[in-house]
């Protein structure tokens, strides 16, 4: 479902929300579901960066004949992906940071909600953030599961990235 909605939405932005919706419809707590999706996304981004490092080492010298600006764009893309990973790890590890982000995002939404319901929404959000943080900590402590995710994500990327390679050939 994630790949499908990434393919049919602008900027590939619909995959994770669709997965989150499906998981919550199947009775999984939104805190647990969002934690799993965030950890999976962190692993995915980390494997993209690892793959990127490999290709930088192997292929960057081959770019010597290309324009100077392309090299900078490649390095800027690498730095952006690395920054995304660091930011996501901070959100996953720090309950305070995650709560701050959610509360900032809730402010404009709460303007359209009756005053009586606002506190209930904030408490519910705090409960889901606590659940999210508990699952993030529990998941990050399970190294076997993380390495399984790394393996399957690497295989996924290998297939995904080999398609343009073979089309190019």
N, C-alpha and C. Protein backbone atom coordinates (compact mmCIF):
# COMPACT_ATOMS: atom_id res chain seq x y z
N UNK A 1 0.83 -1.19 0.00
CA UNK A 1 0.00 0.00 0.00
C UNK A 1 0.87 1.26 0.00
N UNK A 2 2.00 1.19 0.71
CA UNK A 2 2.90 2.34 0.76
C UNK A 2 3.48 2.68 -0.60
N UNK A 3 3.95 1.66 -1.31
CA UNK A 3 4.53 1.89 -2.63
C UNK A 3 3.48 2.41 -3.60
N UNK A 4 2.27 1.84 -3.53
CA UNK A 4 1.21 2.28 -4.43
C UNK A 4 0.89 3.76 -4.21
N UNK A 5 0.66 4.16 -2.94
CA UNK A 5 0.29 5.53 -2.68
C UNK A 5 1.46 6.50 -2.87
N UNK A 6 2.69 6.02 -2.73
CA UNK A 6 3.84 6.85 -3.08
C UNK A 6 3.86 7.12 -4.58
N UNK A 7 3.42 6.14 -5.36
CA UNK A 7 3.44 6.27 -6.81
C UNK A 7 2.34 7.18 -7.34
N UNK A 8 1.22 7.28 -6.65
CA UNK A 8 0.08 8.01 -7.19
C UNK A 8 -0.14 9.37 -6.53
N UNK A 9 0.73 9.77 -5.61
CA UNK A 9 0.56 11.07 -4.95
C UNK A 9 1.74 11.97 -5.30
N UNK A 10 1.52 13.28 -5.32
CA UNK A 10 2.62 14.20 -5.63
C UNK A 10 3.75 14.09 -4.60
N UNK A 11 4.96 14.18 -5.08
CA UNK A 11 6.18 14.11 -4.26
C UNK A 11 6.26 12.82 -3.45
N UNK A 12 5.58 11.76 -3.90
CA UNK A 12 5.59 10.46 -3.21
C UNK A 12 5.25 10.62 -1.73
N UNK A 13 4.26 11.45 -1.44
CA UNK A 13 3.95 11.80 -0.05
C UNK A 13 2.82 11.01 0.57
N UNK A 14 2.17 10.13 -0.18
CA UNK A 14 0.99 9.47 0.34
C UNK A 14 1.20 8.08 0.91
N UNK A 15 2.38 7.51 0.75
CA UNK A 15 2.61 6.13 1.18
C UNK A 15 2.48 5.92 2.67
N UNK A 16 3.21 6.69 3.45
CA UNK A 16 3.17 6.49 4.90
C UNK A 16 1.83 6.87 5.51
N UNK A 17 1.20 7.98 5.11
CA UNK A 17 -0.14 8.23 5.66
C UNK A 17 -1.14 7.11 5.32
N UNK A 18 -1.04 6.55 4.13
CA UNK A 18 -1.93 5.45 3.76
C UNK A 18 -1.65 4.22 4.61
N UNK A 19 -0.38 3.94 4.86
CA UNK A 19 -0.02 2.82 5.71
C UNK A 19 -0.52 3.05 7.14
N UNK A 20 -0.35 4.26 7.63
CA UNK A 20 -0.81 4.59 8.99
C UNK A 20 -2.33 4.43 9.08
N UNK A 21 -3.04 4.91 8.08
CA UNK A 21 -4.50 4.77 8.06
C UNK A 21 -4.90 3.30 8.08
N UNK A 22 -4.27 2.49 7.24
CA UNK A 22 -4.61 1.07 7.18
C UNK A 22 -4.31 0.38 8.50
N UNK A 23 -3.16 0.67 9.10
CA UNK A 23 -2.80 0.04 10.37
C UNK A 23 -3.79 0.42 11.47
N UNK A 24 -4.18 1.68 11.54
CA UNK A 24 -5.14 2.08 12.58
C UNK A 24 -6.52 1.49 12.30
N UNK A 25 -6.89 1.33 11.04
CA UNK A 25 -8.16 0.68 10.71
C UNK A 25 -8.17 -0.78 11.12
N UNK A 26 -7.00 -1.38 11.17
CA UNK A 26 -6.89 -2.78 11.59
C UNK A 26 -6.72 -2.91 13.10
N UNK A 27 -6.88 -1.81 13.82
CA UNK A 27 -6.90 -1.86 15.27
C UNK A 27 -5.56 -1.65 15.95
N UNK A 28 -4.54 -1.27 15.21
CA UNK A 28 -3.23 -1.02 15.81
C UNK A 28 -3.20 0.41 16.32
N UNK A 29 -2.69 0.58 17.54
CA UNK A 29 -2.60 1.91 18.15
C UNK A 29 -1.81 2.84 17.25
N UNK A 30 -2.28 4.07 17.12
CA UNK A 30 -1.63 5.03 16.22
C UNK A 30 -0.20 5.35 16.68
N UNK A 31 0.04 5.34 17.99
CA UNK A 31 1.39 5.57 18.48
C UNK A 31 2.34 4.46 18.06
N UNK A 32 1.89 3.21 18.20
CA UNK A 32 2.69 2.06 17.79
C UNK A 32 2.89 2.07 16.27
N UNK A 33 1.81 2.30 15.53
CA UNK A 33 1.90 2.28 14.07
C UNK A 33 2.83 3.37 13.56
N UNK A 34 2.72 4.59 14.11
CA UNK A 34 3.58 5.67 13.62
C UNK A 34 5.03 5.44 14.03
N UNK A 35 5.24 4.81 15.19
CA UNK A 35 6.61 4.49 15.61
C UNK A 35 7.25 3.48 14.65
N UNK A 36 6.51 2.44 14.32
CA UNK A 36 7.02 1.43 13.39
C UNK A 36 7.33 2.06 12.03
N UNK A 37 6.42 2.90 11.54
CA UNK A 37 6.64 3.54 10.25
C UNK A 37 7.84 4.49 10.28
N UNK A 38 8.01 5.20 11.40
CA UNK A 38 9.15 6.11 11.50
C UNK A 38 10.46 5.34 11.54
N UNK A 39 10.52 4.27 12.34
CA UNK A 39 11.75 3.46 12.40
C UNK A 39 12.05 2.86 11.04
N UNK A 40 11.03 2.36 10.35
CA UNK A 40 11.23 1.81 9.00
C UNK A 40 11.75 2.88 8.05
N UNK A 41 11.20 4.09 8.17
CA UNK A 41 11.66 5.18 7.31
C UNK A 41 13.10 5.57 7.64
N UNK A 42 13.46 5.58 8.92
CA UNK A 42 14.84 5.88 9.31
C UNK A 42 15.78 4.83 8.71
N UNK A 43 15.41 3.56 8.83
CA UNK A 43 16.25 2.50 8.27
C UNK A 43 16.34 2.64 6.76
N UNK A 44 15.23 2.94 6.12
CA UNK A 44 15.23 3.13 4.67
C UNK A 44 16.17 4.28 4.28
N UNK A 45 16.03 5.42 4.96
CA UNK A 45 16.90 6.56 4.67
C UNK A 45 18.37 6.22 4.94
N UNK A 46 18.62 5.51 6.03
CA UNK A 46 20.00 5.13 6.37
C UNK A 46 20.59 4.23 5.29
N UNK A 47 19.79 3.31 4.77
CA UNK A 47 20.29 2.43 3.73
C UNK A 47 20.49 3.19 2.42
N UNK A 48 19.67 4.19 2.17
CA UNK A 48 19.89 5.04 0.99
C UNK A 48 21.22 5.78 1.14
N UNK A 49 21.47 6.30 2.33
CA UNK A 49 22.73 7.01 2.56
C UNK A 49 23.91 6.05 2.45
N UNK A 50 23.77 4.83 3.01
CA UNK A 50 24.86 3.85 2.91
C UNK A 50 25.11 3.49 1.45
N UNK A 51 24.05 3.29 0.69
CA UNK A 51 24.19 3.01 -0.74
C UNK A 51 24.84 4.19 -1.44
N UNK A 52 24.42 5.39 -1.05
CA UNK A 52 24.97 6.61 -1.62
C UNK A 52 26.47 6.71 -1.35
N UNK A 53 26.88 6.38 -0.11
CA UNK A 53 28.30 6.40 0.23
C UNK A 53 29.07 5.42 -0.65
N UNK A 54 28.52 4.22 -0.83
CA UNK A 54 29.16 3.23 -1.69
C UNK A 54 29.34 3.77 -3.10
N UNK A 55 28.28 4.35 -3.65
CA UNK A 55 28.37 4.87 -5.01
C UNK A 55 29.25 6.11 -5.10
N UNK A 56 29.32 6.89 -4.02
CA UNK A 56 30.25 8.02 -4.01
C UNK A 56 31.69 7.54 -4.09
N UNK A 57 32.00 6.50 -3.33
CA UNK A 57 33.36 5.96 -3.32
C UNK A 57 33.70 5.35 -4.69
N UNK A 58 32.76 4.59 -5.23
CA UNK A 58 33.01 3.89 -6.48
C UNK A 58 32.86 4.81 -7.69
N UNK A 59 31.79 5.64 -7.70
CA UNK A 59 31.47 6.38 -8.90
C UNK A 59 31.86 7.83 -8.94
N UNK A 60 32.16 8.43 -7.80
CA UNK A 60 32.47 9.86 -7.81
C UNK A 60 33.69 10.20 -8.66
N UNK A 61 34.76 9.38 -8.63
CA UNK A 61 35.90 9.69 -9.51
C UNK A 61 35.53 9.65 -11.00
N UNK A 62 34.50 8.88 -11.34
CA UNK A 62 34.08 8.80 -12.74
C UNK A 62 33.38 10.08 -13.20
N UNK A 63 32.99 10.93 -12.23
CA UNK A 63 32.32 12.18 -12.58
C UNK A 63 33.31 13.30 -12.89
N UNK A 64 34.59 12.99 -12.96
CA UNK A 64 35.60 13.99 -13.22
C UNK A 64 35.38 14.76 -14.50
N UNK A 65 34.80 14.13 -15.48
CA UNK A 65 34.57 14.79 -16.77
C UNK A 65 33.26 15.57 -16.81
N UNK A 66 32.43 15.45 -15.77
CA UNK A 66 31.14 16.16 -15.77
C UNK A 66 31.32 17.58 -15.26
N UNK A 67 30.25 18.32 -15.35
CA UNK A 67 30.33 19.71 -14.90
C UNK A 67 30.53 19.78 -13.40
N UNK A 68 31.14 20.85 -12.99
CA UNK A 68 31.50 21.07 -11.60
C UNK A 68 30.26 21.14 -10.69
N UNK A 69 29.18 21.72 -11.19
CA UNK A 69 27.98 21.93 -10.38
C UNK A 69 27.29 20.62 -10.02
N UNK A 70 27.35 19.62 -10.89
CA UNK A 70 26.70 18.35 -10.61
C UNK A 70 27.32 17.70 -9.38
N UNK A 71 28.62 17.81 -9.24
CA UNK A 71 29.28 17.25 -8.06
C UNK A 71 28.73 17.89 -6.80
N UNK A 72 28.53 19.20 -6.83
CA UNK A 72 27.97 19.88 -5.66
C UNK A 72 26.54 19.44 -5.38
N UNK A 73 25.74 19.27 -6.42
CA UNK A 73 24.37 18.81 -6.23
C UNK A 73 24.33 17.43 -5.59
N UNK A 74 25.24 16.57 -6.01
CA UNK A 74 25.32 15.22 -5.44
C UNK A 74 25.66 15.31 -3.95
N UNK A 75 26.64 16.12 -3.62
CA UNK A 75 27.03 16.27 -2.21
C UNK A 75 25.93 16.94 -1.38
N UNK A 76 25.23 17.91 -1.96
CA UNK A 76 24.12 18.56 -1.26
C UNK A 76 23.01 17.54 -0.97
N UNK A 77 22.70 16.70 -1.94
CA UNK A 77 21.70 15.65 -1.74
C UNK A 77 22.11 14.70 -0.63
N UNK A 78 23.38 14.36 -0.58
CA UNK A 78 23.89 13.49 0.48
C UNK A 78 23.73 14.15 1.85
N UNK A 79 24.10 15.41 1.96
CA UNK A 79 23.99 16.13 3.23
C UNK A 79 22.52 16.25 3.67
N UNK A 80 21.63 16.49 2.73
CA UNK A 80 20.20 16.60 3.06
C UNK A 80 19.68 15.26 3.59
N UNK A 81 20.00 14.17 2.92
CA UNK A 81 19.56 12.85 3.40
C UNK A 81 20.13 12.54 4.77
N UNK A 82 21.38 12.87 4.99
CA UNK A 82 22.00 12.65 6.30
C UNK A 82 21.31 13.50 7.36
N UNK A 83 20.98 14.74 7.04
CA UNK A 83 20.27 15.61 7.97
C UNK A 83 18.88 15.08 8.31
N UNK A 84 18.20 14.53 7.32
CA UNK A 84 16.88 13.94 7.56
C UNK A 84 16.99 12.79 8.55
N UNK A 85 17.99 11.94 8.38
CA UNK A 85 18.18 10.81 9.29
C UNK A 85 18.42 11.31 10.71
N UNK A 86 19.32 12.27 10.86
CA UNK A 86 19.62 12.80 12.19
C UNK A 86 18.37 13.40 12.83
N UNK A 87 17.60 14.17 12.07
CA UNK A 87 16.37 14.75 12.59
C UNK A 87 15.36 13.70 13.02
N UNK A 88 15.19 12.67 12.21
CA UNK A 88 14.24 11.61 12.55
C UNK A 88 14.67 10.81 13.76
N UNK A 89 15.96 10.57 13.89
CA UNK A 89 16.46 9.86 15.08
C UNK A 89 16.21 10.70 16.33
N UNK A 90 16.41 11.99 16.22
CA UNK A 90 16.15 12.88 17.37
C UNK A 90 14.67 12.81 17.75
N UNK A 91 13.78 12.84 16.76
CA UNK A 91 12.34 12.74 17.04
C UNK A 91 12.00 11.40 17.68
N UNK A 92 12.61 10.32 17.17
CA UNK A 92 12.32 8.98 17.70
C UNK A 92 12.86 8.81 19.11
N UNK A 93 13.99 9.41 19.43
CA UNK A 93 14.62 9.22 20.74
C UNK A 93 14.12 10.19 21.80
N UNK A 94 13.71 11.38 21.41
CA UNK A 94 13.34 12.41 22.38
C UNK A 94 11.83 12.62 22.39
N UNK A 95 11.20 12.21 23.48
CA UNK A 95 9.76 12.40 23.61
C UNK A 95 9.42 13.88 23.66
N UNK A 96 10.29 14.68 24.27
CA UNK A 96 10.05 16.12 24.37
C UNK A 96 10.04 16.79 23.00
N UNK A 97 10.98 16.42 22.14
CA UNK A 97 11.03 16.99 20.79
C UNK A 97 9.80 16.57 19.99
N UNK A 98 9.45 15.29 20.06
CA UNK A 98 8.26 14.81 19.34
C UNK A 98 7.00 15.53 19.83
N UNK A 99 6.88 15.70 21.15
CA UNK A 99 5.72 16.39 21.71
C UNK A 99 5.69 17.85 21.25
N UNK A 100 6.84 18.49 21.23
CA UNK A 100 6.92 19.88 20.78
C UNK A 100 6.45 20.04 19.34
N UNK A 101 6.88 19.14 18.49
CA UNK A 101 6.48 19.20 17.08
C UNK A 101 4.98 18.99 16.94
N UNK A 102 4.45 17.99 17.64
CA UNK A 102 3.01 17.72 17.57
C UNK A 102 2.21 18.90 18.09
N UNK A 103 2.64 19.48 19.20
CA UNK A 103 1.90 20.61 19.78
C UNK A 103 1.93 21.84 18.85
N UNK A 104 3.04 22.06 18.18
CA UNK A 104 3.11 23.16 17.22
C UNK A 104 2.15 22.90 16.05
N UNK A 105 2.10 21.66 15.58
CA UNK A 105 1.21 21.32 14.48
C UNK A 105 -0.26 21.34 14.90
N UNK A 106 -0.52 21.08 16.18
CA UNK A 106 -1.90 21.08 16.67
C UNK A 106 -2.47 22.49 16.85
N UNK A 107 -1.62 23.48 17.11
CA UNK A 107 -2.10 24.83 17.39
C UNK A 107 -3.07 25.36 16.34
N UNK A 108 -2.73 25.34 15.06
CA UNK A 108 -3.69 25.88 14.09
C UNK A 108 -4.95 25.01 13.98
N UNK A 109 -4.81 23.72 14.19
CA UNK A 109 -5.98 22.83 14.11
C UNK A 109 -6.94 23.11 15.26
N UNK A 110 -6.39 23.35 16.46
CA UNK A 110 -7.23 23.58 17.64
C UNK A 110 -8.01 24.89 17.56
N UNK A 111 -7.63 25.78 16.67
CA UNK A 111 -8.39 27.02 16.49
C UNK A 111 -9.80 26.74 15.98
N UNK A 112 -9.98 25.61 15.32
CA UNK A 112 -11.27 25.26 14.73
C UNK A 112 -12.06 24.27 15.59
N UNK A 113 -11.57 24.00 16.80
CA UNK A 113 -12.21 23.04 17.69
C UNK A 113 -12.80 23.78 18.88
N UNK A 114 -13.94 23.30 19.35
CA UNK A 114 -14.57 23.92 20.51
C UNK A 114 -13.63 23.86 21.72
N UNK A 115 -13.70 24.89 22.56
CA UNK A 115 -12.82 24.98 23.73
C UNK A 115 -12.94 23.76 24.64
N UNK A 116 -14.13 23.19 24.75
CA UNK A 116 -14.35 22.05 25.63
C UNK A 116 -13.57 20.82 25.17
N UNK A 117 -13.36 20.70 23.89
CA UNK A 117 -12.69 19.51 23.33
C UNK A 117 -11.18 19.67 23.22
N UNK A 118 -10.68 20.88 23.29
CA UNK A 118 -9.25 21.14 23.06
C UNK A 118 -8.36 20.36 24.03
N UNK A 119 -8.70 20.40 25.31
CA UNK A 119 -7.86 19.73 26.31
C UNK A 119 -7.87 18.22 26.09
N UNK A 120 -9.03 17.68 25.73
CA UNK A 120 -9.10 16.24 25.45
C UNK A 120 -8.24 15.85 24.26
N UNK A 121 -8.21 16.70 23.26
CA UNK A 121 -7.38 16.43 22.09
C UNK A 121 -5.91 16.49 22.47
N UNK A 122 -5.53 17.48 23.26
CA UNK A 122 -4.13 17.58 23.71
C UNK A 122 -3.73 16.36 24.54
N UNK A 123 -4.60 15.93 25.46
CA UNK A 123 -4.30 14.77 26.29
C UNK A 123 -4.19 13.50 25.44
N UNK A 124 -5.08 13.36 24.47
CA UNK A 124 -5.02 12.21 23.58
C UNK A 124 -3.72 12.22 22.77
N UNK A 125 -3.33 13.40 22.28
CA UNK A 125 -2.07 13.52 21.53
C UNK A 125 -0.89 13.16 22.42
N UNK A 126 -0.90 13.64 23.67
CA UNK A 126 0.19 13.31 24.60
C UNK A 126 0.25 11.81 24.88
N UNK A 127 -0.90 11.18 24.99
CA UNK A 127 -0.96 9.73 25.20
C UNK A 127 -0.36 8.99 24.00
N UNK A 128 -0.70 9.43 22.80
CA UNK A 128 -0.18 8.78 21.58
C UNK A 128 1.32 9.03 21.43
N UNK A 129 1.77 10.21 21.85
CA UNK A 129 3.21 10.50 21.80
C UNK A 129 3.96 9.60 22.76
N UNK A 130 3.41 9.40 23.96
CA UNK A 130 4.05 8.50 24.94
C UNK A 130 4.11 7.08 24.38
N UNK A 131 3.03 6.62 23.75
CA UNK A 131 3.01 5.30 23.14
C UNK A 131 4.04 5.21 22.02
N UNK A 132 4.09 6.25 21.20
CA UNK A 132 5.06 6.33 20.11
C UNK A 132 6.48 6.22 20.65
N UNK A 133 6.78 6.97 21.72
CA UNK A 133 8.12 6.98 22.28
C UNK A 133 8.47 5.62 22.90
N UNK A 134 7.54 5.01 23.61
CA UNK A 134 7.78 3.70 24.21
C UNK A 134 8.13 2.67 23.14
N UNK A 135 7.37 2.67 22.07
CA UNK A 135 7.63 1.71 20.99
C UNK A 135 8.94 2.00 20.27
N UNK A 136 9.28 3.27 20.11
CA UNK A 136 10.55 3.62 19.47
C UNK A 136 11.72 3.12 20.29
N UNK A 137 11.63 3.30 21.61
CA UNK A 137 12.71 2.84 22.50
C UNK A 137 12.78 1.32 22.48
N UNK A 138 11.62 0.67 22.55
CA UNK A 138 11.59 -0.80 22.56
C UNK A 138 12.13 -1.35 21.25
N UNK A 139 11.72 -0.78 20.14
CA UNK A 139 12.16 -1.25 18.83
C UNK A 139 13.66 -1.02 18.65
N UNK A 140 14.15 0.16 19.03
CA UNK A 140 15.57 0.46 18.83
C UNK A 140 16.46 -0.41 19.71
N UNK A 141 15.92 -1.01 20.76
CA UNK A 141 16.70 -1.92 21.60
C UNK A 141 16.78 -3.33 21.06
N UNK A 142 16.00 -3.65 20.03
CA UNK A 142 15.97 -4.98 19.46
C UNK A 142 16.87 -5.02 18.23
N UNK A 143 18.16 -5.30 18.47
CA UNK A 143 19.13 -5.24 17.37
C UNK A 143 18.88 -6.29 16.30
N UNK A 144 18.39 -7.47 16.71
CA UNK A 144 18.11 -8.51 15.71
C UNK A 144 17.05 -8.04 14.72
N UNK A 145 16.00 -7.45 15.23
CA UNK A 145 14.93 -6.95 14.38
C UNK A 145 15.42 -5.81 13.48
N UNK A 146 16.25 -4.95 14.03
CA UNK A 146 16.80 -3.85 13.22
C UNK A 146 17.65 -4.40 12.08
N UNK A 147 18.50 -5.40 12.37
CA UNK A 147 19.33 -5.96 11.31
C UNK A 147 18.49 -6.69 10.26
N UNK A 148 17.39 -7.31 10.68
CA UNK A 148 16.48 -7.92 9.69
C UNK A 148 15.89 -6.84 8.79
N UNK A 149 15.48 -5.73 9.40
CA UNK A 149 14.94 -4.62 8.60
C UNK A 149 16.00 -4.06 7.66
N UNK A 150 17.23 -3.94 8.13
CA UNK A 150 18.32 -3.46 7.29
C UNK A 150 18.52 -4.40 6.10
N UNK A 151 18.51 -5.70 6.37
CA UNK A 151 18.69 -6.68 5.29
C UNK A 151 17.58 -6.57 4.24
N UNK A 152 16.32 -6.58 4.70
CA UNK A 152 15.20 -6.53 3.76
C UNK A 152 15.13 -5.18 3.03
N UNK A 153 15.50 -4.12 3.70
CA UNK A 153 15.52 -2.81 3.05
C UNK A 153 16.62 -2.77 1.99
N UNK A 154 17.77 -3.37 2.28
CA UNK A 154 18.86 -3.44 1.31
C UNK A 154 18.43 -4.23 0.07
N UNK A 155 17.77 -5.35 0.29
CA UNK A 155 17.27 -6.14 -0.85
C UNK A 155 16.24 -5.33 -1.64
N UNK A 156 15.35 -4.64 -0.92
CA UNK A 156 14.34 -3.80 -1.59
C UNK A 156 15.02 -2.74 -2.44
N UNK A 157 16.01 -2.05 -1.88
CA UNK A 157 16.71 -1.01 -2.64
C UNK A 157 17.49 -1.59 -3.80
N UNK A 158 18.08 -2.76 -3.61
CA UNK A 158 18.82 -3.40 -4.68
C UNK A 158 17.92 -3.64 -5.90
N UNK A 159 16.73 -4.16 -5.64
CA UNK A 159 15.80 -4.37 -6.75
C UNK A 159 15.31 -3.05 -7.32
N UNK A 160 14.97 -2.14 -6.43
CA UNK A 160 14.42 -0.85 -6.86
C UNK A 160 15.43 -0.05 -7.68
N UNK A 161 16.69 -0.03 -7.24
CA UNK A 161 17.72 0.74 -7.93
C UNK A 161 18.27 0.01 -9.16
N UNK A 162 18.06 -1.30 -9.25
CA UNK A 162 18.58 -2.02 -10.41
C UNK A 162 17.68 -1.80 -11.64
N UNK A 163 16.45 -1.40 -11.44
CA UNK A 163 15.54 -1.20 -12.58
C UNK A 163 16.09 -0.12 -13.52
N UNK A 164 16.42 1.09 -13.03
CA UNK A 164 16.96 2.09 -13.98
C UNK A 164 18.31 1.66 -14.57
N UNK A 165 19.08 0.91 -13.79
CA UNK A 165 20.38 0.46 -14.30
C UNK A 165 20.18 -0.45 -15.51
N UNK A 166 19.29 -1.42 -15.38
CA UNK A 166 19.08 -2.34 -16.49
C UNK A 166 18.35 -1.68 -17.66
N UNK A 167 17.49 -0.72 -17.37
CA UNK A 167 16.85 0.04 -18.45
C UNK A 167 17.92 0.83 -19.21
N UNK A 168 18.86 1.41 -18.48
CA UNK A 168 19.95 2.16 -19.11
C UNK A 168 20.80 1.26 -20.00
N UNK A 169 21.09 0.05 -19.50
CA UNK A 169 21.87 -0.89 -20.32
C UNK A 169 21.11 -1.23 -21.60
